[in-house]
All heavy atoms as atom14 arrays in JSON, in Angstrom:
{
  "sequence": "NIPPGEYVYDVTVENNNTSASGSFKVVPFEVE",
  "atom14_mask": [
    [1, 1, 1, 1, 1, 1, 1, 1, 0, 0, 0, 0, 0, 0],
    [1, 1, 1, 1, 1, 1, 1, 1, 0, 0, 0, 0, 0, 0],
    [1, 1, 1, 1, 1, 1, 1, 0, 0, 0, 0, 0, 0, 0],
    [1, 1, 1, 1, 1, 1, 1, 0, 0, 0, 0, 0, 0, 0],
    [1, 1, 1, 1, 0, 0, 0, 0, 0, 0, 0, 0, 0, 0],
    [1, 1, 1, 1, 1, 1, 1, 1, 1, 0, 0, 0, 0, 0],
    [1, 1, 1, 1, 1, 1, 1, 1, 1, 1, 1, 1, 0, 0],
    [1, 1, 1, 1, 1, 1, 1, 0, 0, 0, 0, 0, 0, 0],
    [1, 1, 1, 1, 1, 1, 1, 1, 1, 1, 1, 1, 0, 0],
    [1, 1, 1, 1, 1, 1, 1, 1, 0, 0, 0, 0, 0, 0],
    [1, 1, 1, 1, 1, 1, 1, 0, 0, 0, 0, 0, 0, 0],
    [1, 1, 1, 1, 1, 1, 1, 0, 0, 0, 0, 0, 0, 0],
    [1, 1, 1, 1, 1, 1, 1, 0, 0, 0, 0, 0, 0, 0],
    [1, 1, 1, 1, 1, 1, 1, 1, 1, 0, 0, 0, 0, 0],
    [1, 1, 1, 1, 1, 1, 1, 1, 0, 0, 0, 0, 0, 0],
    [1, 1, 1, 1, 1, 1, 1, 1, 0, 0, 0, 0, 0, 0],
    [1, 1, 1, 1, 1, 1, 1, 1, 0, 0, 0, 0, 0, 0],
    [1, 1, 1, 1, 1, 1, 1, 0, 0, 0, 0, 0, 0, 0],
    [1, 1, 1, 1, 1, 1, 0, 0, 0, 0, 0, 0, 0, 0],
    [1, 1, 1, 1, 1, 0, 0, 0, 0, 0, 0, 0, 0, 0],
    [1, 1, 1, 1, 1, 1, 0, 0, 0, 0, 0, 0, 0, 0],
    [1, 1, 1, 1, 0, 0, 0, 0, 0, 0, 0, 0, 0, 0],
    [1, 1, 1, 1, 1, 1, 0, 0, 0, 0, 0, 0, 0, 0],
    [1, 1, 1, 1, 1, 1, 1, 1, 1, 1, 1, 0, 0, 0],
    [1, 1, 1, 1, 1, 1, 1, 1, 1, 0, 0, 0, 0, 0],
    [1, 1, 1, 1, 1, 1, 1, 0, 0, 0, 0, 0, 0, 0],
    [1, 1, 1, 1, 1, 1, 1, 0, 0, 0, 0, 0, 0, 0],
    [1, 1, 1, 1, 1, 1, 1, 0, 0, 0, 0, 0, 0, 0],
    [1, 1, 1, 1, 1, 1, 1, 1, 1, 1, 1, 0, 0, 0],
    [1, 1, 1, 1, 1, 1, 1, 1, 1, 0, 0, 0, 0, 0],
    [1, 1, 1, 1, 1, 1, 1, 0, 0, 0, 0, 0, 0, 0],
    [1, 1, 1, 1, 1, 1, 1, 1, 1, 0, 0, 0, 0, 0]
  ],
  "atom14_positions": [
    [[-18.23, -25.45, -23.32], [-19.5, -24.88, -23.78], [-19.42, -23.36, -23.96], [-20.35, -22.63, -23.6], [-20.63, -25.23, -22.81], [-20.83, -26.73, -22.68], [-20.75, -27.46, -23.67], [-21.09, -27.2, -21.47], [0.0, 0.0, 0.0], [0.0, 0.0, 0.0], [0.0, 0.0, 0.0], [0.0, 0.0, 0.0], [0.0, 0.0, 0.0], [0.0, 0.0, 0.0]],
    [[-18.3, -22.89, -24.51], [-18.16, -21.47, -24.82], [-18.81, -21.2, -26.18], [-18.47, -21.86, -27.17], [-16.68, -21.06, -24.84], [-16.04, -21.31, -23.47], [-16.53, -19.6, -25.23], [-16.63, -20.5, -22.34], [0.0, 0.0, 0.0], [0.0, 0.0, 0.0], [0.0, 0.0, 0.0], [0.0, 0.0, 0.0], [0.0, 0.0, 0.0], [0.0, 0.0, 0.0]],
    [[-19.73, -20.25, -26.26], [-20.4, -19.97, -27.55], [-19.4, -19.48, -28.6], [-18.37, -18.88, -28.26], [-21.4, -18.86, -27.18], [-21.55, -18.92, -25.7], [-20.24, -19.41, -25.17], [0.0, 0.0, 0.0], [0.0, 0.0, 0.0], [0.0, 0.0, 0.0], [0.0, 0.0, 0.0], [0.0, 0.0, 0.0], [0.0, 0.0, 0.0], [0.0, 0.0, 0.0]],
    [[-19.69, -19.71, -29.88], [-18.81, -19.21, -30.94], [-18.65, -17.69, -30.89], [-19.58, -16.98, -30.51], [-19.52, -19.65, -32.23], [-20.36, -20.82, -31.81], [-20.8, -20.52, -30.41], [0.0, 0.0, 0.0], [0.0, 0.0, 0.0], [0.0, 0.0, 0.0], [0.0, 0.0, 0.0], [0.0, 0.0, 0.0], [0.0, 0.0, 0.0], [0.0, 0.0, 0.0]],
    [[-17.46, -17.23, -31.25], [-17.2, -15.8, -31.27], [-15.73, -15.51, -31.0], [-14.93, -16.42, -30.79], [0.0, 0.0, 0.0], [0.0, 0.0, 0.0], [0.0, 0.0, 0.0], [0.0, 0.0, 0.0], [0.0, 0.0, 0.0], [0.0, 0.0, 0.0], [0.0, 0.0, 0.0], [0.0, 0.0, 0.0], [0.0, 0.0, 0.0], [0.0, 0.0, 0.0]],
    [[-15.38, -14.23, -31.03], [-14.01, -13.79, -30.75], [-13.93, -13.3, -29.3], [-14.77, -12.52, -28.85], [-13.58, -12.69, -31.72], [-13.44, -13.17, -33.15], [-12.82, -12.12, -34.06], [-12.09, -11.26, -33.54], [-13.08, -12.17, -35.27], [0.0, 0.0, 0.0], [0.0, 0.0, 0.0], [0.0, 0.0, 0.0], [0.0, 0.0, 0.0], [0.0, 0.0, 0.0]],
    [[-12.91, -13.77, -28.6], [-12.79, -13.48, -27.17], [-11.42, -12.89, -26.86], [-10.42, -13.19, -27.54], [-12.98, -14.76, -26.35], [-14.35, -15.36, -26.43], [-14.7, -16.21, -27.48], [-15.33, -15.06, -25.47], [-15.98, -16.75, -27.57], [-16.6, -15.61, -25.55], [-16.92, -16.45, -26.6], [-18.18, -16.99, -26.68], [0.0, 0.0, 0.0], [0.0, 0.0, 0.0]],
    [[-11.39, -12.05, -25.83], [-10.12, -11.6, -25.26], [-10.05, -12.16, -23.84], [-11.08, -12.36, -23.18], [-10.0, -10.06, -25.23], [-9.93, -9.51, -26.63], [-11.16, -9.43, -24.46], [0.0, 0.0, 0.0], [0.0, 0.0, 0.0], [0.0, 0.0, 0.0], [0.0, 0.0, 0.0], [0.0, 0.0, 0.0], [0.0, 0.0, 0.0], [0.0, 0.0, 0.0]],
    [[-8.84, -12.46, -23.42], [-8.68, -12.99, -22.06], [-7.65, -12.18, -21.29], [-6.73, -11.59, -21.88], [-8.27, -14.47, -22.09], [-6.89, -14.72, -22.65], [-5.75, -14.64, -21.84], [-6.69, -15.06, -23.98], [-4.48, -14.87, -22.33], [-5.43, -15.3, -24.5], [-4.33, -15.2, -23.67], [-3.06, -15.43, -24.17], [0.0, 0.0, 0.0], [0.0, 0.0, 0.0]],
    [[-7.83, -12.14, -19.98], [-6.87, -11.51, -19.07], [-6.58, -12.49, -17.94], [-7.51, -13.02, -17.32], [-7.44, -10.21, -18.48], [-7.48, -9.09, -19.5], [-6.41, -8.61, -19.89], [-8.6, -8.72, -19.92], [0.0, 0.0, 0.0], [0.0, 0.0, 0.0], [0.0, 0.0, 0.0], [0.0, 0.0, 0.0], [0.0, 0.0, 0.0], [0.0, 0.0, 0.0]],
    [[-5.31, -12.72, -17.69], [-4.88, -13.54, -16.56], [-4.24, -12.6, -15.55], [-3.27, -11.9, -15.87], [-3.89, -14.64, -16.99], [-3.42, -15.44, -15.77], [-4.55, -15.57, -18.0], [0.0, 0.0, 0.0], [0.0, 0.0, 0.0], [0.0, 0.0, 0.0], [0.0, 0.0, 0.0], [0.0, 0.0, 0.0], [0.0, 0.0, 0.0], [0.0, 0.0, 0.0]],
    [[-4.78, -12.58, -14.35], [-4.28, -11.66, -13.32], [-3.86, -12.45, -12.08], [-4.34, -13.56, -11.84], [-5.36, -10.64, -12.92], [-6.54, -11.34, -12.49], [-5.7, -9.74, -14.09], [0.0, 0.0, 0.0], [0.0, 0.0, 0.0], [0.0, 0.0, 0.0], [0.0, 0.0, 0.0], [0.0, 0.0, 0.0], [0.0, 0.0, 0.0], [0.0, 0.0, 0.0]],
    [[-2.94, -11.85, -11.31], [-2.48, -12.43, -10.05], [-3.07, -11.62, -8.92], [-2.92, -10.39, -8.88], [-0.94, -12.44, -9.97], [-0.49, -13.12, -8.67], [-0.34, -13.14, -11.18], [0.0, 0.0, 0.0], [0.0, 0.0, 0.0], [0.0, 0.0, 0.0], [0.0, 0.0, 0.0], [0.0, 0.0, 0.0], [0.0, 0.0, 0.0], [0.0, 0.0, 0.0]],
    [[-3.76, -12.29, -8.02], [-4.43, -11.58, -6.92], [-3.41, -10.86, -6.04], [-2.35, -11.41, -5.73], [-5.25, -12.58, -6.1], [-6.24, -11.89, -5.17], [-7.34, -12.82, -4.72], [-8.05, -13.38, -5.59], [-7.48, -12.98, -3.51], [0.0, 0.0, 0.0], [0.0, 0.0, 0.0], [0.0, 0.0, 0.0], [0.0, 0.0, 0.0], [0.0, 0.0, 0.0]],
    [[-3.74, -9.62, -5.68], [-2.87, -8.77, -4.84], [-1.53, -8.47, -5.51], [-0.5, -8.34, -4.85], [-2.64, -9.4, -3.46], [-3.94, -9.62, -2.71], [-4.83, -8.79, -2.76], [-4.03, -10.74, -2.02], [0.0, 0.0, 0.0], [0.0, 0.0, 0.0], [0.0, 0.0, 0.0], [0.0, 0.0, 0.0], [0.0, 0.0, 0.0], [0.0, 0.0, 0.0]],
    [[-1.54, -8.42, -6.85], [-0.31, -8.17, -7.59], [-0.68, -7.49, -8.89], [-1.76, -7.74, -9.46], [0.41, -9.5, -7.86], [1.86, -9.3, -8.3], [2.11, -8.71, -9.35], [2.78, -9.79, -7.5], [0.0, 0.0, 0.0], [0.0, 0.0, 0.0], [0.0, 0.0, 0.0], [0.0, 0.0, 0.0], [0.0, 0.0, 0.0], [0.0, 0.0, 0.0]],
    [[0.21, -6.65, -9.41], [-0.08, -5.93, -10.66], [0.29, -6.72, -11.9], [0.07, -6.26, -13.02], [0.68, -4.59, -10.68], [0.14, -3.63, -9.63], [-1.05, -3.64, -9.33], [1.03, -2.81, -9.08], [0.0, 0.0, 0.0], [0.0, 0.0, 0.0], [0.0, 0.0, 0.0], [0.0, 0.0, 0.0], [0.0, 0.0, 0.0], [0.0, 0.0, 0.0]],
    [[0.87, -7.92, -11.74], [1.28, -8.73, -12.89], [0.06, -9.27, -13.62], [-0.89, -9.76, -12.99], [2.16, -9.91, -12.42], [3.25, -9.4, -11.65], [2.7, -10.69, -13.61], [0.0, 0.0, 0.0], [0.0, 0.0, 0.0], [0.0, 0.0, 0.0], [0.0, 0.0, 0.0], [0.0, 0.0, 0.0], [0.0, 0.0, 0.0], [0.0, 0.0, 0.0]],
    [[0.07, -9.19, -14.94], [-1.04, -9.71, -15.73], [-0.55, -10.09, -17.12], [0.53, -9.69, -17.55], [-2.17, -8.68, -15.84], [-1.72, -7.54, -16.55], [0.0, 0.0, 0.0], [0.0, 0.0, 0.0], [0.0, 0.0, 0.0], [0.0, 0.0, 0.0], [0.0, 0.0, 0.0], [0.0, 0.0, 0.0], [0.0, 0.0, 0.0], [0.0, 0.0, 0.0]],
    [[-1.37, -10.87, -17.83], [-1.09, -11.26, -19.22], [-2.42, -11.3, -19.95], [-3.45, -11.66, -19.37], [-0.39, -12.61, -19.28], [0.0, 0.0, 0.0], [0.0, 0.0, 0.0], [0.0, 0.0, 0.0], [0.0, 0.0, 0.0], [0.0, 0.0, 0.0], [0.0, 0.0, 0.0], [0.0, 0.0, 0.0], [0.0, 0.0, 0.0], [0.0, 0.0, 0.0]],
    [[-2.41, -10.93, -21.22], [-3.66, -10.9, -21.98], [-3.42, -11.4, -23.4], [-2.28, -11.53, -23.86], [-4.23, -9.49, -22.01], [-3.31, -8.59, -22.61], [0.0, 0.0, 0.0], [0.0, 0.0, 0.0], [0.0, 0.0, 0.0], [0.0, 0.0, 0.0], [0.0, 0.0, 0.0], [0.0, 0.0, 0.0], [0.0, 0.0, 0.0], [0.0, 0.0, 0.0]],
    [[-4.51, -11.7, -24.08], [-4.44, -12.19, -25.45], [-5.83, -12.42, -25.99], [-6.82, -11.94, -25.42], [0.0, 0.0, 0.0], [0.0, 0.0, 0.0], [0.0, 0.0, 0.0], [0.0, 0.0, 0.0], [0.0, 0.0, 0.0], [0.0, 0.0, 0.0], [0.0, 0.0, 0.0], [0.0, 0.0, 0.0], [0.0, 0.0, 0.0], [0.0, 0.0, 0.0]],
    [[-5.93, -13.15, -27.09], [-7.23, -13.39, -27.71], [-7.29, -14.79, -28.28], [-6.26, -15.43, -28.54], [-7.5, -12.36, -28.8], [-6.56, -12.5, -29.86], [0.0, 0.0, 0.0], [0.0, 0.0, 0.0], [0.0, 0.0, 0.0], [0.0, 0.0, 0.0], [0.0, 0.0, 0.0], [0.0, 0.0, 0.0], [0.0, 0.0, 0.0], [0.0, 0.0, 0.0]],
    [[-8.51, -15.28, -28.47], [-8.74, -16.54, -29.16], [-10.12, -16.49, -29.8], [-10.94, -15.61, -29.48], [-8.62, -17.74, -28.21], [-9.65, -17.79, -27.11], [-10.83, -18.49, -27.28], [-9.43, -17.13, -25.91], [-11.79, -18.54, -26.27], [-10.37, -17.17, -24.89], [-11.55, -17.87, -25.07], [0.0, 0.0, 0.0], [0.0, 0.0, 0.0], [0.0, 0.0, 0.0]],
    [[-10.38, -17.44, -30.68], [-11.65, -17.46, -31.39], [-12.25, -18.85, -31.32], [-11.55, -19.85, -31.46], [-11.45, -17.04, -32.85], [-12.75, -16.95, -33.65], [-12.48, -16.47, -35.08], [-13.78, -16.34, -35.87], [-13.54, -15.87, -37.25], [0.0, 0.0, 0.0], [0.0, 0.0, 0.0], [0.0, 0.0, 0.0], [0.0, 0.0, 0.0], [0.0, 0.0, 0.0]],
    [[-13.58, -18.9, -31.11], [-14.34, -20.15, -31.16], [-15.21, -20.09, -32.41], [-16.04, -19.18, -32.55], [-15.2, -20.34, -29.9], [-15.99, -21.64, -30.0], [-14.33, -20.34, -28.65], [0.0, 0.0, 0.0], [0.0, 0.0, 0.0], [0.0, 0.0, 0.0], [0.0, 0.0, 0.0], [0.0, 0.0, 0.0], [0.0, 0.0, 0.0], [0.0, 0.0, 0.0]],
    [[-15.0, -21.03, -33.32], [-15.75, -21.01, -34.59], [-16.91, -22.0, -34.52], [-16.8, -23.07, -33.91], [-14.83, -21.35, -35.78], [-13.8, -20.26, -35.97], [-14.15, -22.69, -35.6], [0.0, 0.0, 0.0], [0.0, 0.0, 0.0], [0.0, 0.0, 0.0], [0.0, 0.0, 0.0], [0.0, 0.0, 0.0], [0.0, 0.0, 0.0], [0.0, 0.0, 0.0]],
    [[-18.05, -21.66, -35.13], [-19.25, -22.51, -35.06], [-19.15, -23.69, -36.01], [-19.94, -23.84, -36.95], [-20.37, -21.55, -35.48], [-19.7, -20.6, -36.4], [-18.3, -20.42, -35.89], [0.0, 0.0, 0.0], [0.0, 0.0, 0.0], [0.0, 0.0, 0.0], [0.0, 0.0, 0.0], [0.0, 0.0, 0.0], [0.0, 0.0, 0.0], [0.0, 0.0, 0.0]],
    [[-18.17, -24.53, -35.76], [-17.95, -25.68, -36.63], [-17.5, -26.85, -35.78], [-16.54, -26.74, -35.02], [-16.88, -25.35, -37.67], [-16.45, -26.54, -38.49], [-17.24, -27.03, -39.5], [-15.24, -27.17, -38.24], [-16.84, -28.11, -40.25], [-14.83, -28.26, -38.97], [-15.63, -28.73, -39.99], [0.0, 0.0, 0.0], [0.0, 0.0, 0.0], [0.0, 0.0, 0.0]],
    [[-18.22, -27.95, -35.86], [-17.83, -29.16, -35.15], [-17.22, -30.12, -36.15], [-17.88, -30.55, -37.1], [-19.05, -29.78, -34.45], [-19.6, -28.93, -33.33], [-20.77, -29.59, -32.63], [-20.64, -30.77, -32.29], [-21.8, -28.93, -32.45], [0.0, 0.0, 0.0], [0.0, 0.0, 0.0], [0.0, 0.0, 0.0], [0.0, 0.0, 0.0], [0.0, 0.0, 0.0]],
    [[-15.96, -30.43, -35.93], [-15.23, -31.25, -36.89], [-15.87, -32.61, -37.08], [-15.8, -33.21, -38.15], [-13.74, -31.37, -36.45], [-13.61, -32.21, -35.18], [-12.89, -31.93, -37.57], [0.0, 0.0, 0.0], [0.0, 0.0, 0.0], [0.0, 0.0, 0.0], [0.0, 0.0, 0.0], [0.0, 0.0, 0.0], [0.0, 0.0, 0.0], [0.0, 0.0, 0.0]],
    [[-16.55, -33.11, -36.05], [-17.18, -34.43, -36.14], [-18.44, -34.42, -37.01], [-18.98, -35.47, -37.32], [-17.51, -34.95, -34.74], [-16.3, -35.35, -33.92], [-15.6, -36.6, -34.43], [-16.29, -37.48, -34.97], [-14.37, -36.69, -34.32], [0.0, 0.0, 0.0], [0.0, 0.0, 0.0], [0.0, 0.0, 0.0], [0.0, 0.0, 0.0], [0.0, 0.0, 0.0]]
  ]
}
């Protein structure tokens, strides 16, 4: 149930400086 739009994400490790990031998009279109 994520609303349509462009998103950035961050994955972090607790008590650690390691992280990874990126982006994805949710389009307002239901294939069905």
